[in-house]
Amino acid sequence: MTISAVYQQINHSARFEWGYDGVRALAPVSDLVVIIDVLSFTTCVDIVLSREGVVFPYRFKDASAADYASEKNALLAGKRSEPISLSPARLALLETNSRIVLPSPNGATCSFIAKDSHCEVIAACLRNASAVARYIRERGGIVTVIAAGERWSDGSLRPSFEDMLAAGAILSQLGAFELSPEAKSAAAVFESCKGELAQMVAACSSGQELLAAGYEDDIQLATELDSSLIIPVLDKHGAFVNRSTSPRI
């Protein structure tokens, strides 16, 4: 076994990893890649799609993002205090059928990296965990769940509790798959915390950061487990669109 194969969890059909490097290592050997960024990119994707919109992920929060939004005939999300931003609560007030470009250094960037491997890319969060798990069971194949995590001030990965929790919410429902040890650990975290999920997310580092900034509503929306049937899949145009055939909750 090569060194690279060691990190690809190749003996297992359901895998779990973190961040950019996790995507680069596992996406090329996966049929489906699930990106998780609970606070807040993938929760925002779920919210926009629940309002019959589409989301274009974008890697950079710079001048090129405005050009990209113009190219896609979409609105560009700005700072969290602005009407259109990486705030689930603000996006819940959007007009229906909106086209949004969401720049994000975590979930959006992981999505961008994953699509280059030509696998199916899905955005998941706590809100649509069971819906995504059902979709994975129906599709079959090799699935990798990526916790996007957050960033330290030097740009390095900060593993985030809330992303591992959502990963576990999905992986714990993949009984027919062979879970890697990494995947089993995420599932175990979810099983041990699911009875106090909202409280745990609010108490973790990412939750405390949002609470201190006054975004309690974002945490509430992000922790509404299985409140959504949306299946956000990245299409050939670079947009997350809803592939669910189920009625909305």
Protein backbone atom coordinates (compact mmCIF):
# COMPACT_ATOMS: atom_id res chain seq x y z
CA MET A 1 0.00 0.00 0.00
CA THR A 2 1.37 3.42 -0.95
CA ILE A 3 1.66 6.23 1.57
CA SER A 4 -1.16 8.17 -0.13
CA ALA A 5 -3.43 5.11 -0.01
CA VAL A 6 -2.89 4.86 3.74
CA TYR A 7 -4.69 8.18 4.17
CA GLN A 8 -7.52 7.32 1.77
CA GLN A 9 -9.23 4.81 4.11
CA ILE A 10 -9.54 2.56 1.03
CA ASN A 11 -10.72 -0.53 2.90
CA HIS A 12 -13.95 1.22 3.88
CA SER A 13 -16.96 2.42 1.88
CA ALA A 14 -17.85 5.30 4.26
CA ARG A 15 -15.00 7.62 5.21
CA PHE A 16 -14.49 10.77 7.25
CA GLU A 17 -11.83 13.47 6.99
CA TRP A 18 -11.13 17.14 7.60
CA GLY A 19 -10.64 20.22 5.47
CA TYR A 20 -8.92 20.96 2.18
CA ASP A 21 -6.31 18.22 2.43
CA GLY A 22 -8.94 15.67 3.35
CA VAL A 23 -10.85 16.55 0.18
CA ARG A 24 -7.71 16.37 -1.94
CA ALA A 25 -6.78 12.96 -0.53
CA LEU A 26 -10.18 11.25 -0.62
CA ALA A 27 -12.32 12.89 -3.32
CA PRO A 28 -10.39 11.26 -6.19
CA VAL A 29 -11.26 7.80 -4.80
CA SER A 30 -14.89 8.58 -3.86
CA ASP A 31 -18.20 8.49 -5.71
CA LEU A 32 -19.86 10.99 -3.38
CA VAL A 33 -18.28 13.69 -1.26
CA VAL A 34 -20.39 15.33 1.44
CA ILE A 35 -19.19 18.76 2.58
CA ILE A 36 -20.19 19.92 6.07
CA ASP A 37 -19.80 23.46 7.42
CA VAL A 38 -22.55 23.86 10.00
CA LEU A 39 -21.67 27.41 11.10
CA SER A 40 -22.47 28.39 8.55
CA PHE A 41 -21.89 27.68 4.83
CA THR A 42 -23.80 24.43 4.35
CA THR A 43 -26.59 25.54 6.68
CA CYS A 44 -26.92 28.64 4.49
CA VAL A 45 -27.07 26.45 1.39
CA ASP A 46 -29.93 24.47 2.91
CA ILE A 47 -31.81 27.65 3.84
CA VAL A 48 -31.50 29.22 0.37
CA LEU A 49 -32.49 26.01 -1.42
CA SER A 50 -35.47 25.60 0.89
CA ARG A 51 -36.62 28.93 -0.56
CA GLU A 52 -36.24 27.50 -4.09
CA GLY A 53 -33.00 29.35 -4.73
CA VAL A 54 -29.55 28.23 -5.84
CA VAL A 55 -26.13 28.82 -4.29
CA PHE A 56 -22.84 29.27 -6.10
CA PRO A 57 -19.94 28.51 -3.74
CA TYR A 58 -16.88 30.71 -4.20
CA ARG A 59 -13.45 30.44 -2.63
CA PHE A 60 -12.43 34.06 -2.25
CA LYS A 61 -13.88 37.10 -0.49
CA ASP A 62 -12.24 39.61 -2.81
CA ALA A 63 -13.01 41.69 -5.91
CA SER A 64 -13.17 38.56 -8.05
CA ALA A 65 -16.25 37.43 -6.10
CA ALA A 66 -18.22 40.40 -7.40
CA ASP A 67 -17.19 39.56 -10.96
CA TYR A 68 -18.21 35.95 -10.42
CA ALA A 69 -21.61 37.01 -9.07
CA SER A 70 -22.13 39.23 -12.10
CA GLU A 71 -21.19 36.35 -14.41
CA LYS A 72 -23.73 34.11 -12.69
CA ASN A 73 -26.43 36.81 -12.54
CA ALA A 74 -26.46 36.30 -8.78
CA LEU A 75 -26.37 38.34 -5.58
CA LEU A 76 -23.10 38.37 -3.66
CA ALA A 77 -23.16 37.63 0.06
CA GLY A 78 -21.25 40.11 2.17
CA LYS A 79 -20.39 40.55 5.84
CA ARG A 80 -22.56 38.79 8.40
CA SER A 81 -24.22 42.07 9.38
CA GLU A 82 -25.43 42.68 5.81
CA PRO A 83 -28.85 41.54 4.50
CA ILE A 84 -27.24 38.83 2.34
CA SER A 85 -24.44 37.06 4.17
CA LEU A 86 -23.29 33.81 5.75
CA SER A 87 -26.06 34.24 8.32
CA PRO A 88 -28.76 31.56 8.08
CA ALA A 89 -31.23 33.83 9.87
CA ARG A 90 -30.76 36.61 7.32
CA LEU A 91 -30.94 34.24 4.37
CA ALA A 92 -34.21 32.85 5.74
CA LEU A 93 -35.70 36.26 4.86
CA LEU A 94 -34.60 36.13 1.22
CA GLU A 95 -37.06 36.31 -1.62
CA THR A 96 -37.78 32.92 -3.17
CA ASN A 97 -35.85 31.82 -6.27
CA SER A 98 -32.80 33.89 -5.34
CA ARG A 99 -29.40 33.21 -6.90
CA ILE A 100 -26.65 33.71 -4.33
CA VAL A 101 -22.85 33.59 -4.49
CA LEU A 102 -21.56 32.54 -1.06
CA PRO A 103 -17.81 33.01 -0.58
CA SER A 104 -16.42 30.93 2.27
CA PRO A 105 -12.88 29.87 3.22
CA ASN A 106 -14.20 26.59 4.60
CA GLY A 107 -17.29 24.91 3.13
CA ALA A 108 -17.29 26.74 -0.20
CA THR A 109 -13.58 26.16 -0.72
CA CYS A 110 -13.90 22.46 0.10
CA SER A 111 -16.77 22.24 -2.40
CA PHE A 112 -14.63 23.89 -5.08
CA ILE A 113 -11.78 21.44 -4.49
CA ALA A 114 -14.10 18.43 -4.49
CA LYS A 115 -15.76 19.25 -7.81
CA ASP A 116 -12.40 19.04 -9.59
CA SER A 117 -12.35 15.30 -8.82
CA HIS A 118 -15.55 14.75 -10.83
CA CYS A 119 -17.35 13.08 -7.93
CA GLU A 120 -20.85 14.03 -6.82
CA VAL A 121 -20.63 16.84 -4.26
CA ILE A 122 -23.35 17.28 -1.64
CA ALA A 123 -23.75 20.02 0.98
CA ALA A 124 -24.98 18.75 4.34
CA CYS A 125 -25.67 20.10 7.80
CA LEU A 126 -27.65 19.11 10.86
CA ARG A 127 -30.88 20.34 9.27
CA ASN A 128 -30.77 17.86 6.38
CA ALA A 129 -28.66 15.07 7.88
CA SER A 130 -31.24 12.28 7.57
CA ALA A 131 -32.30 13.38 4.09
CA VAL A 132 -28.68 13.28 2.92
CA ALA A 133 -28.13 9.90 4.60
CA ARG A 134 -31.12 8.47 2.71
CA TYR A 135 -29.77 9.87 -0.54
CA ILE A 136 -26.39 8.23 0.10
CA ARG A 137 -28.00 4.88 0.87
CA GLU A 138 -29.99 5.06 -2.37
CA ARG A 139 -26.94 6.04 -4.45
CA GLY A 140 -24.47 3.60 -2.92
CA GLY A 141 -20.80 3.56 -3.84
CA ILE A 142 -17.91 5.06 -1.91
CA VAL A 143 -18.81 8.08 0.22
CA THR A 144 -16.49 10.52 1.96
CA VAL A 145 -17.86 12.95 4.53
CA ILE A 146 -15.70 16.05 4.95
CA ALA A 147 -15.89 18.28 8.00
CA ALA A 148 -14.74 21.64 6.64
CA GLY A 149 -13.68 22.94 10.04
CA GLU A 150 -12.69 26.52 10.81
CA ARG A 151 -9.44 28.49 10.56
CA TRP A 152 -6.97 29.67 13.15
CA SER A 153 -5.55 33.18 12.69
CA ASP A 154 -2.57 31.75 10.76
CA GLY A 155 -4.90 30.06 8.27
CA SER A 156 -4.38 26.53 9.55
CA LEU A 157 -7.28 24.15 10.13
CA ARG A 158 -9.18 24.37 13.41
CA PRO A 159 -11.26 21.18 13.74
CA SER A 160 -14.77 22.19 14.76
CA PHE A 161 -17.06 20.21 17.04
CA GLU A 162 -20.24 21.16 15.18
CA ASP A 163 -18.96 19.82 11.85
CA MET A 164 -17.92 16.50 13.37
CA LEU A 165 -21.34 16.31 15.02
CA ALA A 166 -23.18 16.72 11.70
CA ALA A 167 -20.84 14.26 10.00
CA GLY A 168 -21.71 11.75 12.69
CA ALA A 169 -25.42 12.42 12.25
CA ILE A 170 -25.08 11.20 8.66
CA LEU A 171 -22.54 8.42 9.15
CA SER A 172 -24.52 6.89 12.03
CA GLN A 173 -27.31 6.18 9.51
CA LEU A 174 -25.15 4.32 6.98
CA GLY A 175 -25.50 0.86 8.49
CA ALA A 176 -25.00 -1.00 5.21
CA PHE A 177 -21.67 0.74 4.61
CA GLU A 178 -18.33 -0.27 6.08
CA LEU A 179 -17.37 2.72 8.22
CA SER A 180 -13.71 3.59 8.66
CA PRO A 181 -12.42 4.14 12.21
CA GLU A 182 -12.50 7.87 11.50
CA ALA A 183 -16.13 7.63 10.41
CA LYS A 184 -17.05 5.51 13.43
CA SER A 185 -15.54 8.12 15.74
CA ALA A 186 -17.71 10.87 14.22
CA ALA A 187 -20.81 8.67 14.52
CA ALA A 188 -19.96 8.00 18.17
CA VAL A 189 -19.67 11.73 18.89
CA PHE A 190 -23.13 12.31 17.47
CA GLU A 191 -24.70 9.41 19.35
CA SER A 192 -23.26 10.64 22.64
CA CYS A 193 -24.44 14.24 22.11
CA LYS A 194 -27.72 13.99 20.20
CA GLY A 195 -29.84 14.36 23.34
CA GLU A 196 -28.47 17.86 23.98
CA LEU A 197 -27.42 18.84 20.49
CA ALA A 198 -28.42 22.51 20.51
CA GLN A 199 -26.86 23.11 23.92
CA MET A 200 -23.60 21.44 22.91
CA VAL A 201 -23.25 23.47 19.71
CA ALA A 202 -24.01 26.69 21.57
CA ALA A 203 -21.37 25.81 24.16
CA CYS A 204 -18.59 24.86 21.72
CA SER A 205 -15.99 27.34 20.47
CA SER A 206 -17.76 28.20 17.21
CA GLY A 207 -21.08 28.59 19.00
CA GLN A 208 -19.60 30.85 21.64
CA GLU A 209 -18.05 33.01 18.94
CA LEU A 210 -21.44 33.54 17.29
CA LEU A 211 -23.23 34.11 20.60
CA ALA A 212 -20.70 36.77 21.57
CA ALA A 213 -21.38 38.52 18.26
CA GLY A 214 -25.15 38.41 18.77
CA TYR A 215 -26.06 35.64 16.31
CA GLU A 216 -28.06 33.34 18.56
CA ASP A 217 -30.70 32.93 15.81
CA ASP A 218 -28.08 31.44 13.50
CA ILE A 219 -27.27 28.75 16.05
CA GLN A 220 -30.94 27.98 16.55
CA LEU A 221 -31.50 27.47 12.82
CA ALA A 222 -28.29 25.48 12.41
CA THR A 223 -29.22 23.01 15.16
CA GLU A 224 -32.73 22.15 13.96
CA LEU A 225 -31.89 18.50 13.37
CA ASP A 226 -33.70 16.90 10.41
CA SER A 227 -35.93 19.91 9.84
CA SER A 228 -35.20 19.85 6.10
CA LEU A 229 -35.54 17.41 3.19
CA ILE A 230 -33.29 19.43 0.88
CA ILE A 231 -30.54 17.55 -1.00
CA PRO A 232 -28.05 20.18 -2.24
CA VAL A 233 -25.98 18.74 -5.12
CA LEU A 234 -23.34 20.70 -7.01
CA ASP A 235 -24.32 20.83 -10.69
CA LYS A 236 -22.21 21.28 -13.83
CA HIS A 237 -22.68 25.05 -13.65
CA GLY A 238 -21.05 25.21 -10.22
CA ALA A 239 -24.31 25.75 -8.31
CA PHE A 240 -25.82 23.83 -5.44
CA VAL A 241 -29.33 22.87 -6.53
CA ASN A 242 -31.97 20.80 -4.77
CA ARG A 243 -32.14 17.17 -5.94
CA SER A 244 -34.80 16.12 -3.43
CA THR A 245 -38.04 14.73 -4.82
CA SER A 246 -39.70 14.82 -1.41
CA PRO A 247 -42.18 17.51 -0.37
CA ARG A 248 -40.67 20.21 1.81
CA ILE A 249 -41.24 19.92 5.54
